[in-house]
Amino acid sequence: MTFQRARTEEQREIRRRAILDAASSMLDEMPVAAVTLNELSRRVGLAKPNVLRYFESREAVLLELLDRYLGEWLTELEGELTAGVGENLPMAERATAVAEILSRSLSGRVVLCDLFGAQGSVLERNVSVEVVTRYKRASLDRLATMTALIRTYLPELGENATLFSLHTVVLAGALSAYSTPPPGLQAAYRAEPDLARFHLELKDSLKLALTATLLGVLPRP
Protein backbone atom coordinates (compact mmCIF):
# COMPACT_ATOMS: atom_id res chain seq x y z
CA MET A 1 0.00 0.00 0.00
CA THR A 2 1.34 3.40 -0.94
CA PHE A 3 -0.07 6.86 -0.39
CA GLN A 4 0.24 10.24 -2.01
CA ARG A 5 0.79 13.16 0.31
CA ALA A 6 -2.32 13.90 2.38
CA ARG A 7 -3.65 17.35 1.56
CA THR A 8 -7.11 17.34 3.14
CA GLU A 9 -8.45 16.40 6.56
CA GLU A 10 -10.28 13.47 4.97
CA GLN A 11 -7.04 12.17 3.46
CA ARG A 12 -5.26 12.54 6.79
CA GLU A 13 -8.01 10.57 8.50
CA ILE A 14 -7.63 7.82 5.89
CA ARG A 15 -3.90 7.65 6.74
CA ARG A 16 -4.67 7.43 10.46
CA ARG A 17 -7.16 4.63 9.95
CA ALA A 18 -4.72 2.75 7.71
CA ILE A 19 -2.00 2.96 10.37
CA LEU A 20 -4.38 1.75 13.07
CA ASP A 21 -5.68 -1.08 10.90
CA ALA A 22 -2.14 -2.21 10.07
CA ALA A 23 -1.20 -2.20 13.75
CA SER A 24 -4.35 -4.14 14.55
CA SER A 25 -3.41 -6.80 11.98
CA MET A 26 0.06 -7.05 13.51
CA LEU A 27 -1.44 -7.64 16.95
CA ASP A 28 -3.36 -10.60 15.53
CA GLU A 29 0.01 -12.14 14.63
CA MET A 30 2.34 -11.13 17.45
CA PRO A 31 2.40 -9.88 21.05
CA VAL A 32 2.45 -6.18 21.85
CA ALA A 33 6.17 -6.29 22.63
CA ALA A 34 6.97 -7.46 19.08
CA VAL A 35 5.17 -4.60 17.32
CA THR A 36 7.76 -2.17 15.97
CA LEU A 37 7.42 1.17 14.24
CA ASN A 38 9.68 -0.01 11.40
CA GLU A 39 7.46 -2.99 10.60
CA LEU A 40 4.31 -0.92 10.99
CA SER A 41 5.70 1.63 8.52
CA ARG A 42 6.54 -1.11 6.05
CA ARG A 43 3.10 -2.67 6.23
CA VAL A 44 1.22 0.58 5.87
CA GLY A 45 3.40 1.77 3.00
CA LEU A 46 4.60 4.99 4.62
CA ALA A 47 8.10 6.03 5.62
CA LYS A 48 8.57 6.06 9.39
CA PRO A 49 8.81 9.89 9.56
CA ASN A 50 5.44 10.04 7.80
CA VAL A 51 3.87 7.65 10.27
CA LEU A 52 5.16 9.89 13.04
CA ARG A 53 3.23 12.79 11.53
CA TYR A 54 0.03 11.02 12.55
CA PHE A 55 1.13 9.29 15.76
CA GLU A 56 4.05 10.51 17.82
CA SER A 57 5.22 6.98 18.74
CA ARG A 58 4.43 3.28 18.54
CA GLU A 59 2.90 3.57 21.99
CA ALA A 60 0.51 6.31 20.84
CA VAL A 61 -0.78 3.99 18.12
CA LEU A 62 -1.28 1.15 20.57
CA LEU A 63 -3.04 3.35 23.13
CA GLU A 64 -5.56 4.39 20.51
CA LEU A 65 -6.11 0.76 19.56
CA LEU A 66 -6.56 -0.13 23.22
CA ASP A 67 -9.34 2.43 23.50
CA ARG A 68 -10.95 1.06 20.34
CA TYR A 69 -10.82 -2.54 21.55
CA LEU A 70 -12.08 -1.58 24.98
CA GLY A 71 -15.09 0.19 23.50
CA GLU A 72 -15.89 -2.83 21.32
CA TRP A 73 -15.60 -5.17 24.28
CA LEU A 74 -17.90 -3.10 26.48
CA THR A 75 -20.54 -3.04 23.74
CA GLU A 76 -20.49 -6.85 23.58
CA LEU A 77 -20.27 -7.20 27.34
CA GLU A 78 -23.60 -5.43 27.78
CA GLY A 79 -25.36 -8.12 25.76
CA GLU A 80 -23.49 -10.94 27.49
CA LEU A 81 -24.48 -9.68 30.94
CA THR A 82 -28.09 -9.19 29.86
CA ALA A 83 -28.27 -12.77 28.60
CA GLY A 84 -26.36 -14.37 31.44
CA VAL A 85 -27.32 -12.69 34.72
CA GLY A 86 -30.78 -12.93 36.21
CA GLU A 87 -31.49 -9.69 38.05
CA ASN A 88 -33.75 -11.51 40.53
CA LEU A 89 -31.14 -14.07 41.57
CA PRO A 90 -29.66 -13.94 45.07
CA MET A 91 -26.68 -11.61 45.37
CA ALA A 92 -24.04 -14.36 45.60
CA GLU A 93 -25.38 -16.07 42.48
CA ARG A 94 -25.38 -12.79 40.55
CA ALA A 95 -21.80 -12.16 41.66
CA THR A 96 -20.72 -15.61 40.51
CA ALA A 97 -22.46 -15.13 37.15
CA VAL A 98 -20.85 -11.72 36.62
CA ALA A 99 -17.40 -13.13 37.39
CA GLU A 100 -17.98 -16.02 35.00
CA ILE A 101 -19.10 -13.76 32.16
CA LEU A 102 -16.27 -11.27 32.65
CA SER A 103 -13.62 -13.99 32.73
CA ARG A 104 -15.04 -15.81 29.72
CA SER A 105 -15.43 -12.62 27.72
CA LEU A 106 -11.96 -11.26 28.48
CA SER A 107 -10.17 -14.57 27.98
CA GLY A 108 -11.57 -14.60 24.45
CA ARG A 109 -9.89 -11.24 23.77
CA VAL A 110 -6.21 -12.06 24.05
CA VAL A 111 -5.02 -8.90 22.31
CA LEU A 112 -7.06 -6.66 24.60
CA CYS A 113 -5.64 -8.39 27.68
CA ASP A 114 -2.11 -8.11 26.27
CA LEU A 115 -2.64 -4.36 25.81
CA PHE A 116 -4.02 -4.09 29.36
CA GLY A 117 -0.85 -5.76 30.62
CA ALA A 118 1.42 -3.39 28.70
CA GLN A 119 -0.51 -0.23 29.47
CA GLY A 120 1.08 0.98 32.69
CA SER A 121 4.59 -0.35 32.18
CA VAL A 122 5.07 0.38 28.45
CA LEU A 123 2.31 2.15 26.55
CA GLU A 124 1.97 5.15 28.84
CA ARG A 125 5.72 5.79 28.95
CA ASN A 126 6.81 6.97 25.50
CA VAL A 127 4.00 9.46 24.90
CA SER A 128 3.52 13.17 25.48
CA VAL A 129 1.41 14.68 28.23
CA GLU A 130 -1.15 15.65 25.60
CA VAL A 131 -1.50 12.10 24.26
CA VAL A 132 -1.67 10.37 27.63
CA THR A 133 -4.12 12.96 28.95
CA ARG A 134 -6.40 12.45 25.97
CA TYR A 135 -6.22 8.69 26.43
CA LYS A 136 -6.93 8.89 30.16
CA ARG A 137 -9.97 11.11 29.54
CA ALA A 138 -11.32 8.51 27.13
CA SER A 139 -10.54 5.82 29.69
CA LEU A 140 -12.63 7.61 32.28
CA ASP A 141 -15.61 7.37 29.94
CA ARG A 142 -14.95 3.65 29.39
CA LEU A 143 -14.63 3.10 33.13
CA ALA A 144 -17.93 4.88 33.73
CA THR A 145 -19.61 2.67 31.13
CA MET A 146 -18.26 -0.51 32.70
CA THR A 147 -19.17 0.65 36.20
CA ALA A 148 -22.76 1.31 35.13
CA LEU A 149 -22.98 -2.17 33.60
CA ILE A 150 -21.69 -3.84 36.76
CA ARG A 151 -24.01 -1.81 38.97
CA THR A 152 -27.00 -2.88 36.90
CA TYR A 153 -26.52 -6.46 38.08
CA LEU A 154 -24.77 -5.85 41.39
CA PRO A 155 -26.19 -2.61 42.79
CA GLU A 156 -25.03 -3.78 46.22
CA LEU A 157 -21.47 -2.88 45.20
CA GLY A 158 -22.25 0.82 45.42
CA GLU A 159 -19.11 2.94 45.04
CA ASN A 160 -16.99 -0.21 44.97
CA ALA A 161 -18.28 -0.93 41.46
CA THR A 162 -15.80 1.56 40.02
CA LEU A 163 -12.85 0.04 41.84
CA PHE A 164 -13.96 -3.46 40.90
CA SER A 165 -14.18 -2.46 37.23
CA LEU A 166 -10.67 -1.03 37.36
CA HIS A 167 -9.34 -4.11 39.15
CA THR A 168 -10.92 -6.34 36.50
CA VAL A 169 -8.88 -4.86 33.65
CA VAL A 170 -5.71 -4.77 35.76
CA LEU A 171 -6.12 -8.43 36.70
CA ALA A 172 -6.83 -9.39 33.09
CA GLY A 173 -3.61 -7.70 31.99
CA ALA A 174 -1.49 -9.18 34.76
CA LEU A 175 -2.81 -12.73 34.41
CA SER A 176 -2.54 -12.71 30.61
CA ALA A 177 1.25 -12.50 30.95
CA TYR A 178 1.22 -15.83 32.77
CA SER A 179 -1.21 -17.48 30.34
CA THR A 180 0.82 -16.84 27.17
CA PRO A 181 4.45 -17.70 28.03
CA PRO A 182 7.16 -16.99 25.42
CA PRO A 183 8.61 -19.92 23.44
CA GLY A 184 11.63 -20.35 25.72
CA LEU A 185 9.46 -20.64 28.79
CA GLN A 186 7.12 -23.05 27.03
CA ALA A 187 10.12 -25.24 26.28
CA ALA A 188 11.15 -25.10 29.95
CA TYR A 189 7.66 -26.19 30.99
CA ARG A 190 7.81 -29.13 28.60
CA ALA A 191 11.24 -30.13 29.85
CA GLU A 192 10.28 -29.82 33.52
CA PRO A 193 6.53 -30.32 33.94
CA ASP A 194 6.65 -29.27 37.61
CA LEU A 195 7.45 -25.75 36.46
CA ALA A 196 4.19 -25.58 34.52
CA ARG A 197 2.26 -24.67 37.66
CA PHE A 198 3.39 -21.12 36.87
CA HIS A 199 1.46 -21.33 33.58
CA LEU A 200 -1.99 -20.02 34.46
CA GLU A 201 -5.06 -20.59 32.31
CA LEU A 202 -6.50 -17.11 31.87
CA LYS A 203 -10.21 -17.82 32.10
CA ASP A 204 -10.09 -19.99 35.22
CA SER A 205 -7.55 -17.79 36.99
CA LEU A 206 -9.47 -14.62 36.22
CA LYS A 207 -12.77 -16.16 37.30
CA LEU A 208 -11.27 -17.21 40.63
CA ALA A 209 -9.78 -13.76 41.23
CA LEU A 210 -12.95 -11.87 40.26
CA THR A 211 -15.23 -14.15 42.25
CA ALA A 212 -13.08 -13.79 45.35
CA THR A 213 -12.96 -10.02 44.90
CA LEU A 214 -16.71 -9.68 44.49
CA LEU A 215 -17.62 -11.93 47.39
CA GLY A 216 -15.09 -10.09 49.51
CA VAL A 217 -16.41 -6.58 48.89
CA LEU A 218 -20.14 -7.28 48.70
CA PRO A 219 -22.09 -6.68 51.93
CA ARG A 220 -22.79 -9.72 54.04
CA PRO A 221 -26.40 -10.98 54.04
C-alpha atoms as a PDB file:
ATOM      1  CA  MET A   1       0.000   0.000   0.000  1.00  0.00           C
ATOM      2  CA  THR A   2       1.336   3.404  -0.938  1.00  0.00           C
ATOM      3  CA  PHE A   3      -0.069   6.860  -0.389  1.00  0.00           C
ATOM      4  CA  GLN A   4       0.243  10.237  -2.012  1.00  0.00           C
ATOM      5  CA  ARG A   5       0.792  13.163   0.314  1.00  0.00           C
ATOM      6  CA  ALA A   6      -2.321  13.897   2.381  1.00  0.00           C
ATOM      7  CA  ARG A   7      -3.652  17.352   1.564  1.00  0.00           C
ATOM      8  CA  THR A   8      -7.105  17.339   3.143  1.00  0.00           C
ATOM      9  CA  GLU A   9      -8.451  16.405   6.555  1.00  0.00           C
ATOM     10  CA  GLU A  10     -10.284  13.467   4.975  1.00  0.00           C
ATOM     11  CA  GLN A  11      -7.042  12.165   3.460  1.00  0.00           C
ATOM     12  CA  ARG A  12      -5.256  12.545   6.794  1.00  0.00           C
ATOM     13  CA  GLU A  13      -8.009  10.568   8.504  1.00  0.00           C
ATOM     14  CA  ILE A  14      -7.626   7.824   5.891  1.00  0.00           C
ATOM     15  CA  ARG A  15      -3.899   7.652   6.742  1.00  0.00           C
ATOM     16  CA  ARG A  16      -4.667   7.433  10.463  1.00  0.00           C
ATOM     17  CA  ARG A  17      -7.156   4.626   9.948  1.00  0.00           C
ATOM     18  CA  ALA A  18      -4.719   2.754   7.712  1.00  0.00           C
ATOM     19  CA  ILE A  19      -2.002   2.958  10.366  1.00  0.00           C
ATOM     20  CA  LEU A  20      -4.379   1.750  13.074  1.00  0.00           C
ATOM     21  CA  ASP A  21      -5.682  -1.083  10.898  1.00  0.00           C
ATOM     22  CA  ALA A  22      -2.143  -2.210  10.070  1.00  0.00           C
ATOM     23  CA  ALA A  23      -1.204  -2.200  13.751  1.00  0.00           C
ATOM     24  CA  SER A  24      -4.354  -4.141  14.550  1.00  0.00           C
ATOM     25  CA  SER A  25      -3.407  -6.800  11.981  1.00  0.00           C
ATOM     26  CA  MET A  26       0.057  -7.048  13.510  1.00  0.00           C
ATOM     27  CA  LEU A  27      -1.441  -7.644  16.954  1.00  0.00           C
ATOM     28  CA  ASP A  28      -3.360 -10.598  15.526  1.00  0.00           C
ATOM     29  CA  GLU A  29       0.008 -12.138  14.628  1.00  0.00           C
ATOM     30  CA  MET A  30       2.335 -11.127  17.445  1.00  0.00           C
ATOM     31  CA  PRO A  31       2.398  -9.881  21.047  1.00  0.00           C
ATOM     32  CA  VAL A  32       2.448  -6.184  21.852  1.00  0.00           C
ATOM     33  CA  ALA A  33       6.172  -6.290  22.626  1.00  0.00           C
ATOM     34  CA  ALA A  34       6.967  -7.458  19.077  1.00  0.00           C
ATOM     35  CA  VAL A  35       5.171  -4.600  17.315  1.00  0.00           C
ATOM     36  CA  THR A  36       7.762  -2.172  15.969  1.00  0.00           C
ATOM     37  CA  LEU A  37       7.421   1.165  14.237  1.00  0.00           C
ATOM     38  CA  ASN A  38       9.676  -0.012  11.402  1.00  0.00           C
ATOM     39  CA  GLU A  39       7.457  -2.986  10.599  1.00  0.00           C
ATOM     40  CA  LEU A  40       4.312  -0.923  10.990  1.00  0.00           C
ATOM     41  CA  SER A  41       5.701   1.631   8.523  1.00  0.00           C
ATOM     42  CA  ARG A  42       6.544  -1.108   6.049  1.00  0.00           C
ATOM     43  CA  ARG A  43       3.102  -2.665   6.229  1.00  0.00           C
ATOM     44  CA  VAL A  44       1.215   0.576   5.867  1.00  0.00           C
ATOM     45  CA  GLY A  45       3.404   1.774   2.995  1.00  0.00           C
ATOM     46  CA  LEU A  46       4.597   4.993   4.624  1.00  0.00           C
ATOM     47  CA  ALA A  47       8.101   6.033   5.620  1.00  0.00           C
ATOM     48  CA  LYS A  48       8.569   6.061   9.385  1.00  0.00           C
ATOM     49  CA  PRO A  49       8.811   9.890   9.559  1.00  0.00           C
ATOM     50  CA  ASN A  50       5.444  10.041   7.797  1.00  0.00           C
ATOM     51  CA  VAL A  51       3.866   7.645  10.267  1.00  0.00           C
ATOM     52  CA  LEU A  52       5.160   9.893  13.039  1.00  0.00           C
ATOM     53  CA  ARG A  53       3.232  12.790  11.530  1.00  0.00           C
ATOM     54  CA  TYR A  54       0.030  11.023  12.552  1.00  0.00           C
ATOM     55  CA  PHE A  55       1.132   9.293  15.757  1.00  0.00           C
ATOM     56  CA  GLU A  56       4.045  10.507  17.823  1.00  0.00           C
ATOM     57  CA  SER A  57       5.217   6.985  18.741  1.00  0.00           C
ATOM     58  CA  ARG A  58       4.431   3.283  18.537  1.00  0.00           C
ATOM     59  CA  GLU A  59       2.904   3.570  21.990  1.00  0.00           C
ATOM     60  CA  ALA A  60       0.513   6.306  20.844  1.00  0.00           C
ATOM     61  CA  VAL A  61      -0.776   3.987  18.118  1.00  0.00           C
ATOM     62  CA  LEU A  62      -1.285   1.146  20.573  1.00  0.00           C
ATOM     63  CA  LEU A  63      -3.039   3.352  23.128  1.00  0.00           C
ATOM     64  CA  GLU A  64      -5.561   4.393  20.510  1.00  0.00           C
ATOM     65  CA  LEU A  65      -6.108   0.761  19.562  1.00  0.00           C
ATOM     66  CA  LEU A  66      -6.557  -0.130  23.224  1.00  0.00           C
ATOM     67  CA  ASP A  67      -9.340   2.431  23.501  1.00  0.00           C
ATOM     68  CA  ARG A  68     -10.951   1.062  20.341  1.00  0.00           C
ATOM     69  CA  TYR A  69     -10.818  -2.538  21.548  1.00  0.00           C
ATOM     70  CA  LEU A  70     -12.081  -1.581  24.983  1.00  0.00           C
ATOM     71  CA  GLY A  71     -15.093   0.185  23.499  1.00  0.00           C
ATOM     72  CA  GLU A  72     -15.894  -2.826  21.315  1.00  0.00           C
ATOM     73  CA  TRP A  73     -15.604  -5.172  24.284  1.00  0.00           C
ATOM     74  CA  LEU A  74     -17.896  -3.103  26.483  1.00  0.00           C
ATOM     75  CA  THR A  75     -20.538  -3.043  23.744  1.00  0.00           C
ATOM     76  CA  GLU A  76     -20.494  -6.849  23.579  1.00  0.00           C
ATOM     77  CA  LEU A  77     -20.265  -7.202  27.342  1.00  0.00           C
ATOM     78  CA  GLU A  78     -23.602  -5.435  27.782  1.00  0.00           C
ATOM     79  CA  GLY A  79     -25.358  -8.124  25.755  1.00  0.00           C
ATOM     80  CA  GLU A  80     -23.491 -10.936  27.494  1.00  0.00           C
ATOM     81  CA  LEU A  81     -24.480  -9.684  30.936  1.00  0.00           C
ATOM     82  CA  THR A  82     -28.094  -9.193  29.864  1.00  0.00           C
ATOM     83  CA  ALA A  83     -28.266 -12.766  28.598  1.00  0.00           C
ATOM     84  CA  GLY A  84     -26.358 -14.367  31.440  1.00  0.00           C
ATOM     85  CA  VAL A  85     -27.316 -12.690  34.718  1.00  0.00           C
ATOM     86  CA  GLY A  86     -30.783 -12.930  36.207  1.00  0.00           C
ATOM     87  CA  GLU A  87     -31.494  -9.692  38.054  1.00  0.00           C
ATOM     88  CA  ASN A  88     -33.753 -11.512  40.530  1.00  0.00           C
ATOM     89  CA  LEU A  89     -31.142 -14.072  41.567  1.00  0.00           C
ATOM     90  CA  PRO A  90     -29.664 -13.939  45.072  1.00  0.00           C
ATOM     91  CA  MET A  91     -26.683 -11.613  45.371  1.00  0.00           C
ATOM     92  CA  ALA A  92     -24.040 -14.360  45.598  1.00  0.00           C
ATOM     93  CA  GLU A  93     -25.385 -16.067  42.480  1.00  0.00           C
ATOM     94  CA  ARG A  94     -25.384 -12.795  40.551  1.00  0.00           C
ATOM     95  CA  ALA A  95     -21.802 -12.160  41.657  1.00  0.00           C
ATOM     96  CA  THR A  96     -20.719 -15.608  40.510  1.00  0.00           C
ATOM     97  CA  ALA A  97     -22.455 -15.134  37.152  1.00  0.00           C
ATOM     98  CA  VAL A  98     -20.854 -11.717  36.616  1.00  0.00           C
ATOM     99  CA  ALA A  99     -17.395 -13.129  37.388  1.00  0.00           C
ATOM    100  CA  GLU A 100     -17.981 -16.022  35.004  1.00  0.00           C
ATOM    101  CA  ILE A 101     -19.097 -13.763  32.162  1.00  0.00           C
ATOM    102  CA  LEU A 102     -16.269 -11.272  32.650  1.00  0.00           C
ATOM    103  CA  SER A 103     -13.615 -13.990  32.730  1.00  0.00           C
ATOM    104  CA  ARG A 104     -15.036 -15.805  29.716  1.00  0.00           C
ATOM    105  CA  SER A 105     -15.433 -12.615  27.718  1.00  0.00           C
ATOM    106  CA  LEU A 106     -11.959 -11.262  28.478  1.00  0.00           C
ATOM    107  CA  SER A 107     -10.169 -14.571  27.978  1.00  0.00           C
ATOM    108  CA  GLY A 108     -11.570 -14.603  24.453  1.00  0.00           C
ATOM    109  CA  ARG A 109      -9.894 -11.245  23.767  1.00  0.00           C
ATOM    110  CA  VAL A 110      -6.206 -12.065  24.054  1.00  0.00           C
ATOM    111  CA  VAL A 111      -5.017  -8.896  22.308  1.00  0.00           C
ATOM    112  CA  LEU A 112      -7.060  -6.656  24.597  1.00  0.00           C
ATOM    113  CA  CYS A 113      -5.643  -8.389  27.677  1.00  0.00           C
ATOM    114  CA  ASP A 114      -2.108  -8.110  26.275  1.00  0.00           C
ATOM    115  CA  LEU A 115      -2.641  -4.365  25.810  1.00  0.00           C
ATOM    116  CA  PHE A 116      -4.018  -4.089  29.359  1.00  0.00           C
ATOM    117  CA  GLY A 117      -0.853  -5.764  30.616  1.00  0.00           C
ATOM    118  CA  ALA A 118       1.420  -3.393  28.702  1.00  0.00           C
ATOM    119  CA  GLN A 119      -0.511  -0.228  29.468  1.00  0.00           C
ATOM    120  CA  GLY A 120       1.083   0.985  32.694  1.00  0.00           C
ATOM    121  CA  SER A 121       4.590  -0.346  32.176  1.00  0.00           C
ATOM    122  CA  VAL A 122       5.065   0.375  28.450  1.00  0.00           C
ATOM    123  CA  LEU A 123       2.306   2.155  26.552  1.00  0.00           C
ATOM    124  CA  GLU A 124       1.967   5.154  28.841  1.00  0.00           C
ATOM    125  CA  ARG A 125       5.722   5.787  28.949  1.00  0.00           C
ATOM    126  CA  ASN A 126       6.808   6.970  25.495  1.00  0.00           C
ATOM    127  CA  VAL A 127       3.998   9.456  24.905  1.00  0.00           C
ATOM    128  CA  SER A 128       3.515  13.169  25.480  1.00  0.00           C
ATOM    129  CA  VAL A 129       1.411  14.677  28.235  1.00  0.00           C
ATOM    130  CA  GLU A 130      -1.146  15.648  25.602  1.00  0.00           C
ATOM    131  CA  VAL A 131      -1.505  12.103  24.263  1.00  0.00           C
ATOM    132  CA  VAL A 132      -1.668  10.367  27.627  1.00  0.00           C
ATOM    133  CA  THR A 133      -4.121  12.961  28.947  1.00  0.00           C
ATOM    134  CA  ARG A 134      -6.403  12.448  25.966  1.00  0.00           C
ATOM    135  CA  TYR A 135      -6.217   8.691  26.431  1.00  0.00           C
ATOM    136  CA  LYS A 136      -6.933   8.894  30.159  1.00  0.00           C
ATOM    137  CA  ARG A 137      -9.966  11.107  29.539  1.00  0.00           C
ATOM    138  CA  ALA A 138     -11.319   8.514  27.131  1.00  0.00           C
ATOM    139  CA  SER A 139     -10.535   5.817  29.689  1.00  0.00           C
ATOM    140  CA  LEU A 140     -12.635   7.611  32.281  1.00  0.00           C
ATOM    141  CA  ASP A 141     -15.614   7.368  29.938  1.00  0.00           C
ATOM    142  CA  ARG A 142     -14.953   3.652  29.389  1.00  0.00           C
ATOM    143  CA  LEU A 143     -14.628   3.104  33.127  1.00  0.00           C
ATOM    144  CA  ALA A 144     -17.930   4.880  33.734  1.00  0.00           C
ATOM    145  CA  THR A 145     -19.610   2.669  31.131  1.00  0.00           C
ATOM    146  CA  MET A 146     -18.260  -0.514  32.699  1.00  0.00           C
ATOM    147  CA  THR A 147     -19.166   0.647  36.201  1.00  0.00           C
ATOM    148  CA  ALA A 148     -22.757   1.314  35.127  1.00  0.00           C
ATOM    149  CA  LEU A 149     -22.978  -2.170  33.601  1.00  0.00           C
ATOM    150  CA  ILE A 150     -21.685  -3.840  36.755  1.00  0.00           C
ATOM    151  CA  ARG A 151     -24.007  -1.815  38.969  1.00  0.00           C
ATOM    152  CA  THR A 152     -26.998  -2.884  36.899  1.00  0.00           C
ATOM    153  CA  TYR A 153     -26.515  -6.463  38.078  1.00  0.00           C
ATOM    154  CA  LEU A 154     -24.768  -5.852  41.390  1.00  0.00           C
ATOM    155  CA  PRO A 155     -26.193  -2.610  42.795  1.00  0.00           C
ATOM    156  CA  GLU A 156     -25.026  -3.777  46.220  1.00  0.00           C
ATOM    157  CA  LEU A 157     -21.465  -2.876  45.203  1.00  0.00           C
ATOM    158  CA  GLY A 158     -22.253   0.822  45.415  1.00  0.00           C
ATOM    159  CA  GLU A 159     -19.108   2.942  45.035  1.00  0.00           C
ATOM    160  CA  ASN A 160     -16.986  -0.215  44.973  1.00  0.00           C
ATOM    161  CA  ALA A 161     -18.278  -0.933  41.459  1.00  0.00           C
ATOM    162  CA  THR A 162     -15.800   1.564  40.022  1.00  0.00           C
ATOM    163  CA  LEU A 163     -12.847   0.044  41.838  1.00  0.00           C
ATOM    164  CA  PHE A 164     -13.957  -3.464  40.902  1.00  0.00           C
ATOM    165  CA  SER A 165     -14.185  -2.457  37.228  1.00  0.00           C
ATOM    166  CA  LEU A 166     -10.670  -1.032  37.355  1.00  0.00           C
ATOM    167  CA  HIS A 167      -9.336  -4.113  39.149  1.00  0.00           C
ATOM    168  CA  THR A 168     -10.916  -6.336  36.501  1.00  0.00           C
ATOM    169  CA  VAL A 169      -8.883  -4.862  33.646  1.00  0.00           C
ATOM    170  CA  VAL A 170      -5.707  -4.773  35.764  1.00  0.00           C
ATOM    171  CA  LEU A 171      -6.120  -8.431  36.704  1.00  0.00           C
ATOM    172  CA  ALA A 172      -6.830  -9.389  33.092  1.00  0.00           C
ATOM    173  CA  GLY A 173      -3.607  -7.703  31.987  1.00  0.00           C
ATOM    174  CA  ALA A 174      -1.493  -9.183  34.763  1.00  0.00           C
ATOM    175  CA  LEU A 175      -2.812 -12.729  34.409  1.00  0.00           C
ATOM    176  CA  SER A 176      -2.537 -12.705  30.614  1.00  0.00           C
ATOM    177  CA  ALA A 177       1.246 -12.498  30.953  1.00  0.00           C
ATOM    178  CA  TYR A 178       1.216 -15.835  32.768  1.00  0.00           C
ATOM    179  CA  SER A 179      -1.205 -17.480  30.344  1.00  0.00           C
ATOM    180  CA  THR A 180       0.823 -16.837  27.169  1.00  0.00           C
ATOM    181  CA  PRO A 181       4.451 -17.698  28.034  1.00  0.00           C
ATOM    182  CA  PRO A 182       7.156 -16.985  25.423  1.00  0.00           C
ATOM    183  CA  PRO A 183       8.612 -19.918  23.437  1.00  0.00           C
ATOM    184  CA  GLY A 184      11.632 -20.350  25.722  1.00  0.00           C
ATOM    185  CA  LEU A 185       9.455 -20.637  28.794  1.00  0.00           C
ATOM    186  CA  GLN A 186       7.121 -23.049  27.030  1.00  0.00           C
ATOM    187  CA  ALA A 187      10.125 -25.239  26.284  1.00  0.00           C
ATOM    188  CA  ALA A 188      11.153 -25.098  29.949  1.00  0.00           C
ATOM    189  CA  TYR A 189       7.661 -26.186  30.986  1.00  0.00           C
ATOM    190  CA  ARG A 190       7.809 -29.127  28.600  1.00  0.00           C
ATOM    191  CA  ALA A 191      11.243 -30.131  29.846  1.00  0.00           C
ATOM    192  CA  GLU A 192      10.280 -29.823  33.520  1.00  0.00           C
ATOM    193  CA  PRO A 193       6.529 -30.324  33.944  1.00  0.00           C
ATOM    194  CA  ASP A 194       6.652 -29.272  37.606  1.00  0.00           C
ATOM    195  CA  LEU A 195       7.446 -25.750  36.455  1.00  0.00           C
ATOM    196  CA  ALA A 196       4.189 -25.580  34.516  1.00  0.00           C
ATOM    197  CA  ARG A 197       2.258 -24.674  37.660  1.00  0.00           C
ATOM    198  CA  PHE A 198       3.388 -21.124  36.868  1.00  0.00           C
ATOM    199  CA  HIS A 199       1.464 -21.330  33.579  1.00  0.00           C
ATOM    200  CA  LEU A 200      -1.991 -20.019  34.458  1.00  0.00           C
ATOM    201  CA  GLU A 201      -5.062 -20.589  32.308  1.00  0.00           C
ATOM    202  CA  LEU A 202      -6.500 -17.106  31.865  1.00  0.00           C
ATOM    203  CA  LYS A 203     -10.214 -17.820  32.100  1.00  0.00           C
ATOM    204  CA  ASP A 204     -10.091 -19.990  35.215  1.00  0.00           C
ATOM    205  CA  SER A 205      -7.548 -17.794  36.994  1.00  0.00           C
ATOM    206  CA  LEU A 206      -9.468 -14.619  36.221  1.00  0.00           C
ATOM    207  CA  LYS A 207     -12.773 -16.162  37.296  1.00  0.00           C
ATOM    208  CA  LEU A 208     -11.272 -17.207  40.634  1.00  0.00           C
ATOM    209  CA  ALA A 209      -9.784 -13.761  41.233  1.00  0.00           C
ATOM    210  CA  LEU A 210     -12.945 -11.870  40.263  1.00  0.00           C
ATOM    211  CA  THR A 211     -15.234 -14.148  42.250  1.00  0.00           C
ATOM    212  CA  ALA A 212     -13.078 -13.794  45.350  1.00  0.00           C
ATOM    213  CA  THR A 213     -12.958 -10.015  44.899  1.00  0.00           C
ATOM    214  CA  LEU A 214     -16.713  -9.685  44.494  1.00  0.00           C
ATOM    215  CA  LEU A 215     -17.624 -11.929  47.392  1.00  0.00           C
ATOM    216  CA  GLY A 216     -15.087 -10.088  49.515  1.00  0.00           C
ATOM    217  CA  VAL A 217     -16.414  -6.576  48.894  1.00  0.00           C
ATOM    218  CA  LEU A 218     -20.140  -7.275  48.696  1.00  0.00           C
ATOM    219  CA  PRO A 219     -22.091  -6.684  51.929  1.00  0.00           C
ATOM    220  CA  ARG A 220     -22.786  -9.722  54.044  1.00  0.00           C
ATOM    221  CA  PRO A 221     -26.401 -10.976  54.036  1.00  0.00           C
END
